[in-house]
N, C-alpha and C. Protein backbone atom coordinates (compact mmCIF):
# COMPACT_ATOMS: atom_id res chain seq x y z
N MET A 1 45.04 -33.41 1.38
CA MET A 1 45.74 -33.54 0.14
C MET A 1 45.01 -33.96 -1.37
N GLU A 2 45.62 -33.51 -2.35
CA GLU A 2 45.14 -33.45 -3.92
C GLU A 2 44.98 -34.57 -4.61
N ILE A 3 43.95 -35.35 -4.87
CA ILE A 3 44.10 -36.58 -5.44
C ILE A 3 43.81 -36.24 -7.15
N LYS A 4 43.95 -37.56 -7.44
CA LYS A 4 43.56 -37.41 -8.82
C LYS A 4 42.09 -37.48 -9.45
N THR A 5 41.59 -36.98 -9.99
CA THR A 5 39.66 -37.39 -10.63
C THR A 5 39.79 -38.21 -12.53
N ASP A 6 39.41 -38.75 -12.12
CA ASP A 6 38.84 -39.55 -13.78
C ASP A 6 37.24 -38.59 -14.01
N GLY A 7 37.06 -37.26 -14.69
CA GLY A 7 36.05 -36.96 -15.16
C GLY A 7 34.77 -36.15 -14.19
N VAL A 8 35.71 -36.46 -12.81
CA VAL A 8 34.97 -35.53 -11.60
C VAL A 8 35.51 -34.57 -10.87
N ALA A 9 34.82 -33.99 -10.23
CA ALA A 9 35.27 -32.56 -9.79
C ALA A 9 36.23 -33.29 -8.78
N GLY A 10 37.21 -31.88 -9.02
CA GLY A 10 38.07 -32.02 -8.06
C GLY A 10 38.44 -32.48 -6.57
N SER A 11 39.17 -33.26 -6.05
CA SER A 11 38.68 -33.94 -4.98
C SER A 11 39.76 -33.30 -3.67
N ARG A 12 39.62 -33.20 -2.35
CA ARG A 12 40.79 -33.14 -1.38
C ARG A 12 40.51 -34.47 -0.47
N LEU A 13 41.39 -34.77 -0.01
CA LEU A 13 41.84 -35.58 1.14
C LEU A 13 41.85 -35.00 2.44
N PHE A 14 40.72 -34.88 2.91
CA PHE A 14 40.58 -34.19 4.37
C PHE A 14 40.55 -35.43 5.74
N LEU A 15 41.47 -36.00 6.15
CA LEU A 15 41.71 -37.23 7.08
C LEU A 15 42.30 -37.12 8.63
N GLU A 16 41.98 -37.52 9.59
CA GLU A 16 42.65 -37.52 10.71
C GLU A 16 43.15 -38.82 10.92
N VAL A 17 44.71 -38.07 10.66
CA VAL A 17 45.97 -39.55 10.80
C VAL A 17 46.63 -38.81 11.84
N ALA A 18 47.29 -40.25 12.11
CA ALA A 18 47.94 -39.94 13.47
C ALA A 18 49.65 -39.66 13.45
N ASP A 19 50.00 -39.24 14.86
CA ASP A 19 51.04 -38.42 14.79
C ASP A 19 52.27 -38.73 14.32
N PRO A 20 53.15 -37.94 13.02
CA PRO A 20 54.20 -38.57 12.50
C PRO A 20 55.10 -39.71 13.24
N PHE A 21 55.00 -39.19 15.05
CA PHE A 21 55.93 -40.25 15.58
C PHE A 21 55.67 -41.39 15.49
N THR A 22 54.08 -41.49 15.90
CA THR A 22 53.79 -43.09 16.27
C THR A 22 52.60 -43.45 15.28
N ALA A 23 52.77 -42.70 13.92
CA ALA A 23 52.17 -43.70 12.81
C ALA A 23 52.53 -44.67 12.40
N LYS A 24 53.56 -44.95 12.13
CA LYS A 24 54.52 -46.09 11.70
C LYS A 24 53.84 -46.99 12.55
N GLY A 25 54.59 -47.05 14.24
CA GLY A 25 53.99 -47.89 15.20
C GLY A 25 52.48 -48.49 15.35
N LEU A 26 51.35 -47.75 14.66
CA LEU A 26 50.19 -47.44 15.02
C LEU A 26 49.80 -48.47 13.64
N VAL A 27 50.10 -47.97 12.34
CA VAL A 27 49.40 -48.79 11.39
C VAL A 27 50.19 -50.62 11.52
N HIS A 28 51.77 -50.42 11.90
CA HIS A 28 51.81 -51.58 11.92
C HIS A 28 51.45 -52.70 12.94
N ARG A 29 50.48 -52.26 14.27
CA ARG A 29 50.34 -52.89 14.83
C ARG A 29 48.80 -52.97 14.75
N CYS A 30 48.06 -52.44 14.03
CA CYS A 30 46.98 -53.19 13.54
C CYS A 30 46.92 -54.11 12.44
N LEU A 31 48.36 -53.66 11.30
CA LEU A 31 47.90 -54.79 10.44
C LEU A 31 48.45 -56.14 10.87
N VAL A 32 49.27 -56.27 12.22
CA VAL A 32 49.69 -57.65 12.97
C VAL A 32 48.25 -57.93 13.78
N THR A 33 47.33 -56.86 14.05
CA THR A 33 45.79 -57.56 14.75
C THR A 33 45.05 -57.75 13.12
N GLU A 34 45.10 -57.61 12.17
CA GLU A 34 43.72 -57.87 10.94
C GLU A 34 44.84 -59.09 10.79
N LYS A 35 46.01 -59.14 10.55
CA LYS A 35 46.96 -60.58 10.08
C LYS A 35 46.11 -61.39 10.69
N GLN A 36 46.54 -62.04 12.15
CA GLN A 36 46.58 -62.44 13.47
C GLN A 36 45.05 -62.87 13.71
N ASN A 37 43.99 -62.00 13.62
CA ASN A 37 42.48 -62.38 13.58
C ASN A 37 42.12 -62.86 12.50
N SER A 38 42.95 -63.35 11.27
CA SER A 38 42.19 -63.92 10.02
C SER A 38 42.65 -65.40 10.06
N ARG A 39 42.99 -65.55 11.65
CA ARG A 39 43.87 -67.04 11.42
C ARG A 39 42.87 -68.01 12.31
N ARG A 40 42.41 -69.22 11.36
CA ARG A 40 41.84 -70.17 11.90
C ARG A 40 41.72 -70.81 13.15
N GLY A 41 42.73 -71.33 13.27
CA GLY A 41 43.18 -71.83 14.59
C GLY A 41 42.74 -72.85 14.56
N THR A 42 42.08 -73.72 13.50
CA THR A 42 41.64 -75.09 13.84
C THR A 42 42.94 -76.58 13.88
N ALA A 43 43.81 -76.05 13.29
CA ALA A 43 44.71 -77.36 13.21
C ALA A 43 45.05 -78.12 14.94
N SER A 44 44.66 -79.45 14.28
CA SER A 44 44.41 -80.29 15.94
C SER A 44 44.96 -81.71 15.27
N THR A 45 45.50 -82.16 16.37
CA THR A 45 46.38 -83.62 16.16
C THR A 45 45.59 -84.27 17.83
N LEU A 46 45.96 -85.76 17.70
CA LEU A 46 45.46 -86.55 18.13
C LEU A 46 46.20 -86.57 19.32
N THR A 47 46.08 -86.87 20.81
CA THR A 47 47.46 -87.17 22.08
C THR A 47 47.31 -88.77 21.73
N ARG A 48 47.88 -89.42 22.82
CA ARG A 48 48.11 -90.87 23.07
C ARG A 48 46.91 -90.86 23.44
N ALA A 49 46.03 -89.87 23.96
CA ALA A 49 44.82 -89.83 25.58
C ALA A 49 43.50 -90.45 24.62
N GLU A 50 43.61 -89.78 23.38
CA GLU A 50 42.28 -89.91 21.91
C GLU A 50 42.20 -90.59 20.90
N VAL A 51 44.05 -91.23 20.60
CA VAL A 51 44.63 -92.16 19.90
C VAL A 51 42.86 -93.43 20.14
N ARG A 52 42.69 -93.85 18.94
CA ARG A 52 42.01 -95.52 18.73
C ARG A 52 42.63 -96.68 19.16
N GLY A 53 42.34 -97.55 20.40
CA GLY A 53 43.12 -98.98 20.72
C GLY A 53 43.69 -98.28 21.03
N GLY A 54 44.96 -99.31 21.85
CA GLY A 54 46.24 -99.35 22.58
C GLY A 54 45.32 -99.97 23.92
N GLY A 55 44.19 -100.82 24.35
CA GLY A 55 43.50 -100.56 25.68
C GLY A 55 44.47 -102.24 26.49
N LYS A 56 45.49 -103.04 25.38
CA LYS A 56 45.66 -104.16 25.93
C LYS A 56 47.57 -104.30 25.76
N LYS A 57 48.48 -104.52 26.36
CA LYS A 57 49.24 -104.47 26.55
C LYS A 57 49.80 -105.69 24.87
N PRO A 58 50.45 -104.89 24.04
CA PRO A 58 51.16 -106.02 22.95
C PRO A 58 51.60 -107.05 23.16
N TYR A 59 52.58 -107.27 24.00
CA TYR A 59 52.99 -108.48 23.67
C TYR A 59 53.59 -108.14 25.39
N ALA A 60 54.55 -109.56 25.96
CA ALA A 60 54.48 -109.65 27.51
C ALA A 60 56.01 -108.31 27.51
N GLN A 61 56.39 -108.62 28.40
CA GLN A 61 57.04 -107.29 29.03
C GLN A 61 58.14 -108.52 29.30
N LYS A 62 58.87 -109.81 29.33
CA LYS A 62 60.21 -110.16 28.93
C LYS A 62 59.98 -111.24 28.37
N GLY A 63 60.54 -111.69 27.66
CA GLY A 63 60.90 -113.05 26.94
C GLY A 63 61.23 -113.02 25.65
N THR A 64 60.26 -111.99 25.27
CA THR A 64 60.03 -111.34 23.80
C THR A 64 61.62 -111.35 22.79
N GLY A 65 62.66 -110.31 23.67
CA GLY A 65 63.60 -109.56 22.44
C GLY A 65 62.86 -108.50 22.00
N ASN A 66 62.17 -108.18 22.59
CA ASN A 66 61.46 -106.32 22.13
C ASN A 66 61.71 -105.78 23.09
N ALA A 67 61.51 -104.32 22.85
CA ALA A 67 61.67 -103.92 23.85
C ALA A 67 60.20 -103.65 24.69
N ARG A 68 60.53 -103.06 25.81
CA ARG A 68 59.40 -103.25 26.17
C ARG A 68 58.10 -102.25 26.09
N ILE A 69 56.98 -102.72 26.12
CA ILE A 69 55.71 -101.26 25.79
C ILE A 69 54.72 -101.77 26.15
N GLY A 70 54.03 -100.62 27.04
CA GLY A 70 52.46 -100.83 27.62
C GLY A 70 51.17 -100.65 26.76
N SER A 71 51.52 -100.06 25.46
CA SER A 71 50.26 -99.61 24.34
C SER A 71 50.56 -99.19 23.14
N ARG A 72 49.83 -99.42 22.01
CA ARG A 72 50.38 -99.30 20.63
C ARG A 72 49.79 -97.87 20.54
N ARG A 73 49.09 -96.73 21.24
CA ARG A 73 49.01 -95.58 21.29
C ARG A 73 50.57 -94.52 21.56
N THR A 74 51.39 -95.32 22.01
CA THR A 74 52.62 -94.26 22.26
C THR A 74 52.62 -93.76 21.27
N PRO A 75 53.23 -92.36 21.39
CA PRO A 75 54.23 -91.44 20.43
C PRO A 75 55.15 -92.06 19.68
N LEU A 76 55.63 -92.87 20.31
CA LEU A 76 56.90 -93.93 19.38
C LEU A 76 56.56 -94.53 18.28
N ARG A 77 55.54 -95.07 17.90
CA ARG A 77 55.05 -95.45 17.33
C ARG A 77 53.97 -95.04 15.88
N PRO A 78 54.10 -95.47 14.84
CA PRO A 78 53.16 -95.43 13.66
C PRO A 78 51.93 -95.17 14.48
N GLY A 79 51.56 -94.30 13.84
CA GLY A 79 49.69 -94.65 14.45
C GLY A 79 49.42 -93.97 15.50
N GLY A 80 50.41 -94.39 16.71
CA GLY A 80 49.81 -93.38 18.11
C GLY A 80 49.99 -92.11 17.83
N GLY A 81 49.99 -91.25 19.38
CA GLY A 81 49.52 -90.15 19.31
C GLY A 81 50.33 -89.21 19.41
N VAL A 82 50.67 -88.04 19.07
CA VAL A 82 51.57 -86.76 18.84
C VAL A 82 51.79 -86.27 19.89
N SER A 83 52.83 -86.01 20.40
CA SER A 83 53.57 -85.23 21.70
C SER A 83 53.77 -84.00 21.58
N PHE A 84 53.00 -82.50 22.39
CA PHE A 84 53.34 -81.55 22.27
C PHE A 84 52.39 -81.36 20.88
N GLY A 85 51.21 -81.90 20.28
CA GLY A 85 51.19 -81.10 18.72
C GLY A 85 50.00 -80.56 19.12
N PRO A 86 49.59 -79.42 17.94
CA PRO A 86 48.82 -78.36 17.57
C PRO A 86 47.54 -79.10 18.55
N LYS A 87 47.00 -77.42 19.21
CA LYS A 87 45.22 -78.28 19.19
C LYS A 87 44.61 -77.15 19.04
N PRO A 88 43.43 -76.58 18.52
CA PRO A 88 42.69 -75.38 18.47
C PRO A 88 43.18 -74.77 18.97
N THR A 89 43.13 -73.10 18.61
CA THR A 89 43.97 -72.23 19.65
C THR A 89 43.06 -70.76 18.57
N ASP A 90 42.40 -69.69 19.33
CA ASP A 90 41.67 -69.06 19.75
C ASP A 90 43.20 -67.67 19.34
N TRP A 91 43.50 -67.30 18.24
CA TRP A 91 44.70 -66.29 17.89
C TRP A 91 44.16 -64.85 17.83
N THR A 92 42.88 -64.51 18.64
CA THR A 92 41.94 -63.30 18.32
C THR A 92 42.65 -62.52 19.51
N ILE A 93 43.40 -60.92 18.87
CA ILE A 93 43.78 -60.19 19.67
C ILE A 93 42.90 -58.67 19.31
N LYS A 94 43.24 -57.61 20.22
CA LYS A 94 41.94 -56.66 20.19
C LYS A 94 42.68 -55.34 20.28
N ILE A 95 42.23 -54.48 19.30
CA ILE A 95 42.42 -52.80 19.31
C ILE A 95 41.65 -52.15 19.28
N ASN A 96 41.79 -51.33 19.84
CA ASN A 96 40.53 -50.15 20.12
C ASN A 96 40.29 -49.67 18.52
N LYS A 97 38.66 -49.57 18.64
CA LYS A 97 37.80 -48.37 17.29
C LYS A 97 38.88 -47.53 17.30
N LYS A 98 39.17 -46.79 18.08
CA LYS A 98 39.23 -45.28 17.34
C LYS A 98 40.95 -45.80 16.66
N GLU A 99 41.72 -46.72 17.19
CA GLU A 99 43.21 -46.70 16.72
C GLU A 99 43.07 -47.11 15.46
N ARG A 100 41.87 -48.13 15.16
CA ARG A 100 42.15 -48.79 13.97
C ARG A 100 41.51 -48.08 12.70
N ARG A 101 40.41 -46.86 13.28
CA ARG A 101 39.94 -46.00 12.26
C ARG A 101 41.53 -44.82 12.01
N LEU A 102 42.30 -44.20 13.22
CA LEU A 102 43.13 -43.82 12.84
C LEU A 102 44.23 -44.62 11.71
N ALA A 103 44.30 -45.54 12.00
CA ALA A 103 45.70 -46.46 11.60
C ALA A 103 45.41 -46.78 10.01
N VAL A 104 44.07 -46.58 9.76
CA VAL A 104 42.89 -46.85 8.33
C VAL A 104 43.21 -45.47 7.37
N ALA A 105 42.79 -44.71 8.43
CA ALA A 105 43.45 -43.11 7.91
C ALA A 105 44.50 -42.83 7.48
N THR A 106 45.51 -42.84 8.16
CA THR A 106 46.60 -43.08 7.87
C THR A 106 47.46 -43.71 6.94
N ALA A 107 47.16 -44.89 6.83
CA ALA A 107 47.18 -45.85 5.56
C ALA A 107 46.63 -45.28 4.59
N LEU A 108 45.44 -44.67 4.38
CA LEU A 108 44.98 -44.18 2.99
C LEU A 108 45.53 -42.93 2.77
N GLN A 109 45.71 -41.86 3.63
CA GLN A 109 46.28 -40.60 3.51
C GLN A 109 47.48 -41.07 3.07
N SER A 110 48.40 -42.22 3.30
CA SER A 110 49.49 -42.53 2.69
C SER A 110 49.32 -42.25 1.15
N ALA A 111 48.50 -43.24 0.90
CA ALA A 111 48.52 -43.83 -0.63
C ALA A 111 47.62 -42.67 -1.25
N ALA A 112 47.43 -41.58 -0.78
CA ALA A 112 46.96 -40.57 -1.52
C ALA A 112 47.56 -40.22 -3.03
N SER A 113 48.62 -39.99 -3.01
CA SER A 113 49.22 -40.23 -4.22
C SER A 113 49.32 -40.92 -5.11
N ASP A 114 48.64 -42.27 -5.36
CA ASP A 114 48.40 -43.14 -6.04
C ASP A 114 46.85 -43.52 -5.90
N MET A 115 45.81 -42.84 -5.63
CA MET A 115 44.63 -42.79 -5.97
C MET A 115 43.89 -42.07 -6.58
N LYS A 116 42.87 -42.65 -7.22
CA LYS A 116 42.42 -41.77 -7.77
C LYS A 116 40.30 -41.86 -8.16
N VAL A 117 40.05 -40.78 -8.06
CA VAL A 117 38.49 -40.78 -7.92
C VAL A 117 37.99 -40.60 -9.58
N ILE A 118 36.75 -42.01 -9.31
CA ILE A 118 35.95 -42.32 -10.23
C ILE A 118 34.00 -41.84 -10.31
N GLU A 119 33.95 -41.57 -10.73
CA GLU A 119 32.31 -41.50 -11.26
C GLU A 119 31.38 -43.13 -10.69
N ASP A 120 30.32 -42.79 -9.89
CA ASP A 120 29.62 -44.15 -9.03
C ASP A 120 29.64 -45.19 -10.34
N ILE A 121 30.35 -46.86 -9.85
CA ILE A 121 30.06 -47.66 -11.60
C ILE A 121 29.16 -48.72 -11.51
N LYS A 122 28.43 -48.06 -10.51
CA LYS A 122 27.17 -49.57 -10.41
C LYS A 122 25.98 -48.95 -11.40
N GLU A 123 26.23 -47.74 -11.82
CA GLU A 123 24.80 -47.61 -12.94
C GLU A 123 25.55 -48.07 -14.00
N PHE A 124 26.51 -48.21 -14.36
CA PHE A 124 27.16 -48.55 -15.71
C PHE A 124 27.18 -50.12 -15.85
N VAL A 125 27.97 -50.60 -14.85
CA VAL A 125 28.51 -52.26 -14.59
C VAL A 125 26.66 -52.80 -14.29
N THR A 126 25.97 -53.11 -15.29
CA THR A 126 24.87 -53.69 -15.43
C THR A 126 24.76 -55.16 -15.81
N VAL A 127 26.28 -55.60 -16.20
CA VAL A 127 25.92 -56.85 -16.46
C VAL A 127 27.73 -57.90 -15.91
N ALA A 128 27.86 -58.98 -15.79
CA ALA A 128 29.13 -59.22 -15.14
C ALA A 128 30.03 -59.70 -16.32
N LYS A 129 30.83 -58.79 -16.55
CA LYS A 129 32.10 -59.14 -17.33
C LYS A 129 33.45 -58.64 -17.32
N THR A 130 33.98 -59.98 -17.09
CA THR A 130 35.63 -59.82 -16.74
C THR A 130 36.27 -58.65 -17.16
N ARG A 131 36.01 -58.87 -18.66
CA ARG A 131 36.92 -58.22 -20.03
C ARG A 131 36.75 -56.77 -20.12
N LEU A 132 35.18 -55.99 -19.52
CA LEU A 132 35.42 -54.61 -19.41
C LEU A 132 36.08 -54.06 -18.14
N MET A 133 35.60 -54.69 -16.92
CA MET A 133 36.51 -54.12 -16.01
C MET A 133 38.36 -54.27 -15.96
N ALA A 134 38.63 -54.99 -17.16
CA ALA A 134 39.84 -54.93 -17.12
C ALA A 134 40.56 -53.85 -17.88
N GLN A 135 39.35 -53.59 -18.88
CA GLN A 135 39.46 -52.22 -20.07
C GLN A 135 39.23 -51.21 -19.32
N ALA A 136 38.41 -51.10 -17.99
CA ALA A 136 38.11 -49.88 -16.94
C ALA A 136 39.47 -49.51 -16.39
N LEU A 137 40.28 -51.01 -16.12
CA LEU A 137 41.37 -50.33 -14.98
C LEU A 137 42.57 -50.04 -16.06
N GLN A 138 42.55 -50.19 -16.89
CA GLN A 138 43.45 -49.33 -17.63
C GLN A 138 43.24 -48.48 -18.34
N LYS A 139 41.98 -48.23 -18.23
CA LYS A 139 41.97 -46.56 -18.45
C LYS A 139 41.64 -45.41 -17.45
N TRP A 140 41.78 -46.34 -16.24
CA TRP A 140 41.83 -45.22 -14.82
C TRP A 140 43.52 -45.41 -15.05
N GLY A 141 44.60 -46.12 -15.34
CA GLY A 141 45.83 -45.79 -15.28
C GLY A 141 46.57 -47.31 -14.76
N VAL A 142 45.66 -48.28 -14.74
CA VAL A 142 46.40 -49.22 -13.91
C VAL A 142 47.19 -50.29 -14.61
N SER A 143 48.40 -50.44 -14.66
CA SER A 143 49.39 -51.48 -15.77
C SER A 143 48.89 -53.11 -14.66
N PRO A 144 49.13 -53.84 -16.23
CA PRO A 144 48.75 -54.53 -15.75
C PRO A 144 49.83 -55.98 -14.95
N GLY A 145 49.35 -56.40 -14.05
CA GLY A 145 50.54 -57.11 -13.11
C GLY A 145 50.24 -56.23 -11.68
N ARG A 146 49.72 -55.09 -11.93
CA ARG A 146 49.93 -54.25 -10.45
C ARG A 146 48.58 -54.31 -10.34
N TYR A 147 48.92 -54.13 -8.73
CA TYR A 147 48.03 -54.30 -7.72
C TYR A 147 46.50 -53.26 -7.50
N ALA A 148 45.45 -53.68 -7.63
CA ALA A 148 44.87 -52.28 -7.48
C ALA A 148 44.15 -52.64 -6.49
N LEU A 149 43.42 -51.35 -5.75
CA LEU A 149 42.44 -51.41 -4.65
C LEU A 149 41.13 -50.81 -4.92
N LEU A 150 39.90 -51.33 -5.51
CA LEU A 150 38.64 -50.59 -6.20
C LEU A 150 37.79 -50.08 -4.60
N ILE A 151 37.71 -49.24 -4.38
CA ILE A 151 36.91 -48.66 -3.09
C ILE A 151 35.05 -48.58 -4.04
N VAL A 152 34.30 -48.79 -3.17
CA VAL A 152 32.96 -48.51 -3.90
C VAL A 152 32.02 -48.59 -2.25
N ASN A 153 31.15 -47.55 -3.22
CA ASN A 153 29.93 -47.09 -1.97
C ASN A 153 28.76 -48.23 -1.50
N GLU A 154 28.73 -48.99 -2.70
CA GLU A 154 27.99 -50.24 -2.63
C GLU A 154 27.91 -51.21 -3.68
N MET A 155 27.66 -52.57 -3.07
CA MET A 155 28.73 -54.13 -3.54
C MET A 155 27.27 -54.43 -4.16
N THR A 156 27.36 -54.63 -5.76
CA THR A 156 25.97 -55.49 -6.40
C THR A 156 26.79 -56.63 -6.66
N ASP A 157 25.72 -57.72 -7.26
CA ASP A 157 26.44 -58.54 -7.81
C ASP A 157 27.21 -58.95 -9.34
N PRO A 158 26.32 -58.23 -9.91
CA PRO A 158 27.76 -57.48 -11.53
C PRO A 158 28.53 -57.19 -11.10
N LEU A 159 28.90 -56.20 -10.24
CA LEU A 159 30.09 -55.53 -10.04
C LEU A 159 31.47 -56.80 -9.38
N HIS A 160 30.66 -57.85 -8.31
CA HIS A 160 31.28 -58.38 -7.96
C HIS A 160 32.08 -59.22 -8.55
N MET A 161 31.21 -60.03 -9.58
CA MET A 161 31.35 -61.20 -10.46
C MET A 161 32.16 -60.32 -11.60
N SER A 162 32.08 -59.34 -11.82
CA SER A 162 33.28 -58.63 -12.98
C SER A 162 34.74 -58.44 -12.35
N CYS A 163 35.07 -58.90 -11.33
CA CYS A 163 36.00 -58.25 -10.38
C CYS A 163 36.67 -59.13 -9.74
N ARG A 164 35.73 -60.68 -9.68
CA ARG A 164 36.50 -61.53 -8.56
C ARG A 164 37.44 -62.66 -9.63
N ASN A 165 37.46 -62.60 -10.79
CA ASN A 165 38.16 -63.37 -11.98
C ASN A 165 39.89 -62.61 -12.00
N ILE A 166 39.97 -61.26 -11.30
CA ILE A 166 41.38 -60.65 -12.08
C ILE A 166 42.03 -60.69 -10.70
N PRO A 167 43.00 -61.62 -10.37
CA PRO A 167 43.78 -61.56 -9.39
C PRO A 167 44.14 -60.26 -8.73
N THR A 168 44.47 -59.24 -9.36
CA THR A 168 45.97 -58.56 -9.04
C THR A 168 44.44 -57.42 -8.32
N LEU A 169 43.27 -57.61 -8.53
CA LEU A 169 42.28 -56.74 -8.32
C LEU A 169 41.26 -56.77 -6.62
N LYS A 170 41.39 -55.90 -5.85
CA LYS A 170 40.88 -56.40 -4.80
C LYS A 170 39.58 -55.68 -4.43
N LEU A 171 38.37 -55.70 -4.55
CA LEU A 171 36.80 -55.29 -4.57
C LEU A 171 36.39 -54.80 -3.25
N THR A 172 36.51 -54.09 -2.31
CA THR A 172 35.67 -53.86 -1.02
C THR A 172 34.73 -52.45 -1.21
N THR A 173 34.21 -51.86 0.46
CA THR A 173 33.65 -51.34 0.17
C THR A 173 34.25 -49.96 1.53
N ALA A 174 33.27 -49.41 0.95
CA ALA A 174 33.91 -48.20 2.16
C ALA A 174 33.60 -48.04 3.57
N ASP A 175 33.15 -48.98 3.95
CA ASP A 175 32.93 -49.83 5.41
C ASP A 175 33.80 -50.54 5.91
N ARG A 176 34.26 -51.66 4.83
CA ARG A 176 35.08 -52.32 5.07
C ARG A 176 36.77 -52.57 5.00
N LEU A 177 37.02 -51.32 4.98
CA LEU A 177 38.73 -50.66 4.52
C LEU A 177 38.89 -51.44 5.59
N ILE A 178 40.67 -52.33 5.23
CA ILE A 178 41.48 -52.47 6.10
C ILE A 178 42.62 -52.01 5.61
N VAL A 179 43.78 -52.04 6.90
CA VAL A 179 45.11 -51.74 6.40
C VAL A 179 45.84 -52.64 5.04
N SER A 180 45.49 -54.15 5.38
CA SER A 180 46.53 -54.84 4.71
C SER A 180 46.17 -54.17 3.18
N ASP A 181 45.10 -54.18 2.84
CA ASP A 181 44.51 -54.39 1.34
C ASP A 181 44.77 -53.01 1.01
N ILE A 182 44.93 -51.54 1.94
CA ILE A 182 45.45 -50.43 1.32
C ILE A 182 47.11 -50.62 1.11
N LEU A 183 47.77 -51.00 2.42
CA LEU A 183 48.92 -51.20 1.90
C LEU A 183 49.77 -51.79 0.72
N ARG A 184 49.12 -53.08 0.83
CA ARG A 184 49.39 -53.83 -0.85
C ARG A 184 48.54 -53.47 -2.06
N ALA A 185 48.27 -52.33 -2.18
CA ALA A 185 47.61 -52.18 -3.04
C ALA A 185 48.81 -50.84 -3.86
N ASP A 186 49.24 -50.99 -5.18
CA ASP A 186 50.02 -50.03 -6.11
C ASP A 186 48.88 -49.06 -6.19
N SER A 187 47.72 -49.21 -6.47
CA SER A 187 46.88 -48.10 -7.17
C SER A 187 45.55 -48.28 -6.21
N VAL A 188 45.19 -46.62 -6.14
CA VAL A 188 43.75 -46.98 -4.94
C VAL A 188 42.63 -46.63 -5.86
N ILE A 189 41.50 -46.69 -6.23
CA ILE A 189 40.34 -46.18 -7.08
C ILE A 189 39.45 -46.31 -5.89
N VAL A 190 38.73 -44.75 -6.19
CA VAL A 190 37.69 -44.77 -5.25
C VAL A 190 36.58 -44.14 -5.93
N GLU A 191 35.24 -44.56 -5.62
CA GLU A 191 33.99 -44.20 -6.03
C GLU A 191 33.64 -42.60 -5.05
N SER A 192 33.35 -41.66 -6.40
CA SER A 192 33.20 -40.29 -5.38
C SER A 192 32.18 -40.38 -4.44
N SER A 193 30.86 -41.44 -4.42
CA SER A 193 30.34 -41.34 -3.42
C SER A 193 31.23 -42.25 -1.74
N ALA A 194 32.14 -42.76 -2.43
CA ALA A 194 32.82 -44.00 -1.26
C ALA A 194 33.40 -42.54 -0.55
N LEU A 195 33.99 -41.97 -1.36
CA LEU A 195 35.27 -41.07 -1.44
C LEU A 195 34.29 -39.87 -0.02
N GLN A 196 33.13 -39.59 -0.59
CA GLN A 196 32.27 -38.70 0.41
C GLN A 196 32.24 -39.95 1.93
N TYR A 197 31.56 -41.16 1.77
CA TYR A 197 31.61 -41.48 3.00
C TYR A 197 32.90 -41.95 3.68
N ILE A 198 34.08 -41.52 2.68
CA ILE A 198 35.16 -41.89 3.73
C ILE A 198 35.91 -40.79 4.96
N GLN A 199 35.30 -39.57 3.74
CA GLN A 199 35.78 -38.26 4.56
C GLN A 199 34.56 -38.08 5.57
N GLY A 200 33.53 -38.09 5.93
CA GLY A 200 32.59 -38.22 6.43
C GLY A 200 33.01 -39.15 7.88
N PHE A 201 33.23 -40.93 7.86
CA PHE A 201 33.71 -41.46 8.95
C PHE A 201 35.32 -41.26 9.17
N LEU A 202 35.95 -41.02 8.53
CA LEU A 202 37.63 -41.01 8.82
C LEU A 202 37.99 -39.47 9.49
N GLY A 203 36.99 -38.58 8.74
CA GLY A 203 38.12 -37.16 8.68
C GLY A 203 37.70 -36.66 9.27
């Protein structure tokens, strides 16, 4: 598929994509895998066995006029344990490498109509300036408020610092592409060298 260029020799995108009948399901499964694997799973509460205190019976079983109780750690009282509360959980699920590559290639191919190829920018982005990056986005046709994905071949500190304060811009390298970033982006901007890597890895 022919893609837009910015002063770069015309480029075509040749990727190995999924069959049209299975592409939607494959991309969705890869997206679910990415989202679920990003869960930390660190939520944790204390059960009545883990709450501090409660060794002595608070008051006599009979004669006080209160409901009988054997421990202050009961979930029925403030400060007691939590019944059926969350515990640390590993939410990780797996997807085959070939399937993941196929899903990324399929998502990238579908975004080719909104993709633009630019020259390598690490040579002229030598200082961290958010303003310059914002001006470059306007030059590349990215309207304010629209999400953009910038794919580079090599990450540099000035480039990273120039992009990190733009909330609608996601910077990534060609070897760390994920489906969720591609699907979220309204515009995809890719370096010419990064495009060559993508063609060789996913083509």
